[in-house]
Amino acid sequence: MPLPAEVRLHSTPDAVREVLETIDTEQEAVLAVYAMGYDFLCYDVK
């Protein structure tokens, strides 16, 4: 049985950006924005 993946906590926006380096995907962009304290919706608002 393989060992579980390592889990790390990045508690500041700068720490998250350091881990992500260049933001290349939508998922990384959402994570970076969330780390800065913004709320976001995952559906269309009409």
PDB file of N, CA and C in Angstrom:
ATOM      1  N   MET A   1       0.855  -1.179   0.000  1.00  0.00           N
ATOM      2  CA  MET A   1       0.000   0.000   0.000  1.00  0.00           C
ATOM      3  C   MET A   1       0.899   1.240   0.000  1.00  0.00           C
ATOM      4  N   PRO A   2       0.694   2.178  -0.945  1.00  0.00           N
ATOM      5  CA  PRO A   2       1.536   3.379  -1.007  1.00  0.00           C
ATOM      6  C   PRO A   2       1.235   4.326   0.148  1.00  0.00           C
ATOM      7  N   LEU A   3       2.238   5.096   0.506  1.00  0.00           N
ATOM      8  CA  LEU A   3       2.064   6.108   1.550  1.00  0.00           C
ATOM      9  C   LEU A   3       1.211   7.253   1.025  1.00  0.00           C
ATOM     10  N   PRO A   4       0.452   7.922   1.900  1.00  0.00           N
ATOM     11  CA  PRO A   4      -0.354   9.066   1.453  1.00  0.00           C
ATOM     12  C   PRO A   4       0.549  10.210   1.000  1.00  0.00           C
ATOM     13  N   ALA A   5       0.017  11.037   0.119  1.00  0.00           N
ATOM     14  CA  ALA A   5       0.747  12.207  -0.359  1.00  0.00           C
ATOM     15  C   ALA A   5       0.990  13.177   0.791  1.00  0.00           C
ATOM     16  N   GLU A   6       2.042  13.928   0.692  1.00  0.00           N
ATOM     17  CA  GLU A   6       2.355  14.932   1.709  1.00  0.00           C
ATOM     18  C   GLU A   6       1.367  16.095   1.603  1.00  0.00           C
ATOM     19  N   VAL A   7       0.907  16.578   2.736  1.00  0.00           N
ATOM     20  CA  VAL A   7      -0.024  17.704   2.787  1.00  0.00           C
ATOM     21  C   VAL A   7       0.698  18.881   3.411  1.00  0.00           C
ATOM     22  N   ARG A   8       0.597  20.035   2.763  1.00  0.00           N
ATOM     23  CA  ARG A   8       1.234  21.249   3.286  1.00  0.00           C
ATOM     24  C   ARG A   8       0.196  22.361   3.390  1.00  0.00           C
ATOM     25  N   LEU A   9       0.410  23.249   4.329  1.00  0.00           N
ATOM     26  CA  LEU A   9      -0.471  24.394   4.524  1.00  0.00           C
ATOM     27  C   LEU A   9       0.261  25.648   4.052  1.00  0.00           C
ATOM     28  N   HIS A  10      -0.386  26.397   3.180  1.00  0.00           N
ATOM     29  CA  HIS A  10       0.155  27.673   2.698  1.00  0.00           C
ATOM     30  C   HIS A  10      -0.862  28.732   3.102  1.00  0.00           C
ATOM     31  N   SER A  11      -0.546  29.481   4.151  1.00  0.00           N
ATOM     32  CA  SER A  11      -1.550  30.325   4.789  1.00  0.00           C
ATOM     33  C   SER A  11      -1.552  31.782   4.344  1.00  0.00           C
ATOM     34  N   THR A  12      -0.705  32.143   3.403  1.00  0.00           N
ATOM     35  CA  THR A  12      -0.710  33.526   2.923  1.00  0.00           C
ATOM     36  C   THR A  12      -0.772  33.528   1.396  1.00  0.00           C
ATOM     37  N   PRO A  13      -1.282  34.600   0.809  1.00  0.00           N
ATOM     38  CA  PRO A  13      -1.301  34.686  -0.653  1.00  0.00           C
ATOM     39  C   PRO A  13       0.100  34.558  -1.262  1.00  0.00           C
ATOM     40  N   ASP A  14       1.084  35.155  -0.610  1.00  0.00           N
ATOM     41  CA  ASP A  14       2.454  35.056  -1.128  1.00  0.00           C
ATOM     42  C   ASP A  14       2.959  33.616  -1.122  1.00  0.00           C
ATOM     43  N   ALA A  15       2.613  32.864  -0.091  1.00  0.00           N
ATOM     44  CA  ALA A  15       3.024  31.459  -0.029  1.00  0.00           C
ATOM     45  C   ALA A  15       2.370  30.644  -1.140  1.00  0.00           C
ATOM     46  N   VAL A  16       1.107  30.927  -1.423  1.00  0.00           N
ATOM     47  CA  VAL A  16       0.412  30.217  -2.501  1.00  0.00           C
ATOM     48  C   VAL A  16       1.038  30.558  -3.847  1.00  0.00           C
ATOM     49  N   ARG A  17       1.313  31.833  -4.081  1.00  0.00           N
ATOM     50  CA  ARG A  17       1.929  32.240  -5.349  1.00  0.00           C
ATOM     51  C   ARG A  17       3.318  31.630  -5.506  1.00  0.00           C
ATOM     52  N   GLU A  18       4.050  31.506  -4.420  1.00  0.00           N
ATOM     53  CA  GLU A  18       5.374  30.895  -4.481  1.00  0.00           C
ATOM     54  C   GLU A  18       5.280  29.435  -4.925  1.00  0.00           C
ATOM     55  N   VAL A  19       4.294  28.725  -4.421  1.00  0.00           N
ATOM     56  CA  VAL A  19       4.100  27.325  -4.801  1.00  0.00           C
ATOM     57  C   VAL A  19       3.642  27.222  -6.254  1.00  0.00           C
ATOM     58  N   LEU A  20       2.723  28.095  -6.661  1.00  0.00           N
ATOM     59  CA  LEU A  20       2.182  28.034  -8.015  1.00  0.00           C
ATOM     60  C   LEU A  20       3.170  28.522  -9.068  1.00  0.00           C
ATOM     61  N   GLU A  21       4.079  29.405  -8.674  1.00  0.00           N
ATOM     62  CA  GLU A  21       5.003  30.063  -9.602  1.00  0.00           C
ATOM     63  C   GLU A  21       4.197  30.781 -10.678  1.00  0.00           C
ATOM     64  N   THR A  22       4.308  30.381 -11.932  1.00  0.00           N
ATOM     65  CA  THR A  22       3.544  30.998 -12.999  1.00  0.00           C
ATOM     66  C   THR A  22       2.141  30.386 -13.010  1.00  0.00           C
ATOM     67  N   ILE A  23       1.133  31.242 -13.071  1.00  0.00           N
ATOM     68  CA  ILE A  23      -0.247  30.746 -13.100  1.00  0.00           C
ATOM     69  C   ILE A  23      -0.591  30.414 -14.551  1.00  0.00           C
ATOM     70  N   ASP A  24      -0.735  29.110 -14.814  1.00  0.00           N
ATOM     71  CA  ASP A  24      -0.929  28.638 -16.184  1.00  0.00           C
ATOM     72  C   ASP A  24      -2.321  28.088 -16.467  1.00  0.00           C
ATOM     73  N   THR A  25      -3.123  27.864 -15.433  1.00  0.00           N
ATOM     74  CA  THR A  25      -4.432  27.258 -15.645  1.00  0.00           C
ATOM     75  C   THR A  25      -5.510  28.049 -14.909  1.00  0.00           C
ATOM     76  N   GLU A  26      -6.755  27.812 -15.293  1.00  0.00           N
ATOM     77  CA  GLU A  26      -7.873  28.461 -14.610  1.00  0.00           C
ATOM     78  C   GLU A  26      -7.925  28.035 -13.143  1.00  0.00           C
ATOM     79  N   GLN A  27      -7.632  26.782 -12.874  1.00  0.00           N
ATOM     80  CA  GLN A  27      -7.673  26.273 -11.496  1.00  0.00           C
ATOM     81  C   GLN A  27      -6.643  26.994 -10.624  1.00  0.00           C
ATOM     82  N   GLU A  28      -5.459  27.228 -11.170  1.00  0.00           N
ATOM     83  CA  GLU A  28      -4.432  27.943 -10.408  1.00  0.00           C
ATOM     84  C   GLU A  28      -4.842  29.397 -10.184  1.00  0.00           C
ATOM     85  N   ALA A  29      -5.486  30.005 -11.163  1.00  0.00           N
ATOM     86  CA  ALA A  29      -5.943  31.388 -11.017  1.00  0.00           C
ATOM     87  C   ALA A  29      -6.999  31.491  -9.925  1.00  0.00           C
ATOM     88  N   VAL A  30      -7.939  30.552  -9.904  1.00  0.00           N
ATOM     89  CA  VAL A  30      -8.978  30.549  -8.871  1.00  0.00           C
ATOM     90  C   VAL A  30      -8.355  30.359  -7.498  1.00  0.00           C
ATOM     91  N   LEU A  31      -7.402  29.455  -7.377  1.00  0.00           N
ATOM     92  CA  LEU A  31      -6.732  29.222  -6.097  1.00  0.00           C
ATOM     93  C   LEU A  31      -6.000  30.483  -5.628  1.00  0.00           C
ATOM     94  N   ALA A  32      -5.316  31.158  -6.528  1.00  0.00           N
ATOM     95  CA  ALA A  32      -4.592  32.383  -6.170  1.00  0.00           C
ATOM     96  C   ALA A  32      -5.555  33.474  -5.718  1.00  0.00           C
ATOM     97  N   VAL A  33      -6.670  33.639  -6.418  1.00  0.00           N
ATOM     98  CA  VAL A  33      -7.668  34.658  -6.051  1.00  0.00           C
ATOM     99  C   VAL A  33      -8.293  34.328  -4.700  1.00  0.00           C
ATOM    100  N   TYR A  34      -8.621  33.046  -4.484  1.00  0.00           N
ATOM    101  CA  TYR A  34      -9.189  32.631  -3.205  1.00  0.00           C
ATOM    102  C   TYR A  34      -8.202  32.899  -2.063  1.00  0.00           C
ATOM    103  N   ALA A  35      -6.930  32.649  -2.295  1.00  0.00           N
ATOM    104  CA  ALA A  35      -5.906  32.877  -1.265  1.00  0.00           C
ATOM    105  C   ALA A  35      -5.813  34.356  -0.898  1.00  0.00           C
ATOM    106  N   MET A  36      -6.168  35.244  -1.838  1.00  0.00           N
ATOM    107  CA  MET A  36      -6.147  36.680  -1.565  1.00  0.00           C
ATOM    108  C   MET A  36      -7.379  37.141  -0.798  1.00  0.00           C
ATOM    109  N   GLY A  37      -8.323  36.205  -0.550  1.00  0.00           N
ATOM    110  CA  GLY A  37      -9.477  36.552   0.265  1.00  0.00           C
ATOM    111  C   GLY A  37     -10.730  36.899  -0.502  1.00  0.00           C
ATOM    112  N   TYR A  38     -10.721  36.759  -1.818  1.00  0.00           N
ATOM    113  CA  TYR A  38     -11.901  37.048  -2.617  1.00  0.00           C
ATOM    114  C   TYR A  38     -12.852  35.853  -2.612  1.00  0.00           C
ATOM    115  N   ASP A  39     -14.139  36.143  -2.684  1.00  0.00           N
ATOM    116  CA  ASP A  39     -15.147  35.108  -2.886  1.00  0.00           C
ATOM    117  C   ASP A  39     -15.400  34.988  -4.375  1.00  0.00           C
ATOM    118  N   PHE A  40     -15.806  33.830  -4.802  1.00  0.00           N
ATOM    119  CA  PHE A  40     -16.142  33.650  -6.199  1.00  0.00           C
ATOM    120  C   PHE A  40     -17.265  32.646  -6.324  1.00  0.00           C
ATOM    121  N   LEU A  41     -17.981  32.707  -7.444  1.00  0.00           N
ATOM    122  CA  LEU A  41     -19.091  31.813  -7.703  1.00  0.00           C
ATOM    123  C   LEU A  41     -18.703  30.840  -8.817  1.00  0.00           C
ATOM    124  N   CYS A  42     -19.117  29.626  -8.700  1.00  0.00           N
ATOM    125  CA  CYS A  42     -18.803  28.608  -9.710  1.00  0.00           C
ATOM    126  C   CYS A  42     -19.986  28.365 -10.637  1.00  0.00           C
ATOM    127  N   TYR A  43     -20.836  29.361 -10.820  1.00  0.00           N
ATOM    128  CA  TYR A  43     -21.981  29.242 -11.710  1.00  0.00           C
ATOM    129  C   TYR A  43     -22.324  30.632 -12.234  1.00  0.00           C
ATOM    130  N   ASP A  44     -23.128  30.677 -13.270  1.00  0.00           N
ATOM    131  CA  ASP A  44     -23.532  31.943 -13.858  1.00  0.00           C
ATOM    132  C   ASP A  44     -24.591  32.611 -12.991  1.00  0.00           C
ATOM    133  N   VAL A  45     -24.422  33.900 -12.748  1.00  0.00           N
ATOM    134  CA  VAL A  45     -25.394  34.672 -11.997  1.00  0.00           C
ATOM    135  C   VAL A  45     -26.214  35.471 -13.000  1.00  0.00           C
ATOM    136  N   LYS A  46     -27.526  35.358 -12.892  1.00  0.00           N
ATOM    137  CA  LYS A  46     -28.393  36.080 -13.835  1.00  0.00           C
ATOM    138  C   LYS A  46     -29.278  37.047 -13.110  1.00  0.00           C
TER     139      LYS A  46
END
